[in-house]
Amino acid sequence: MSQVKVQFKTPEEVMDFTNVVSKYDYNMDLKKSSRKVVDAKSLLGILALGLENNLELCIYSDEDCSEVVNAIGKYVVA
């Protein structure tokens, strides 16, 4: 499993993000807290978490997920 923090400022960024991650077969979740978890490929789910929040992206795979992380690099925060 790989984890990175991401943030979105506009609904358009969320739409772009979901379009990118939907191209990969990995299961992915976004977490706002331990209680708020949504499918990372769900546009409405991500919007429900709210904009301007640091979210944790969890990619469930034993493989190297660096290609996905590079593809969404503009949304990754430190």
Foldseek 3Di string as FASTA:
>chain_A
DDKFKFFAADLVLLVVLLVLVVVDPWFKWKALDPVQIDTSNDSVSVVVSPHPGIIMMDTDDPDDPVVSCVVSVVGTDD
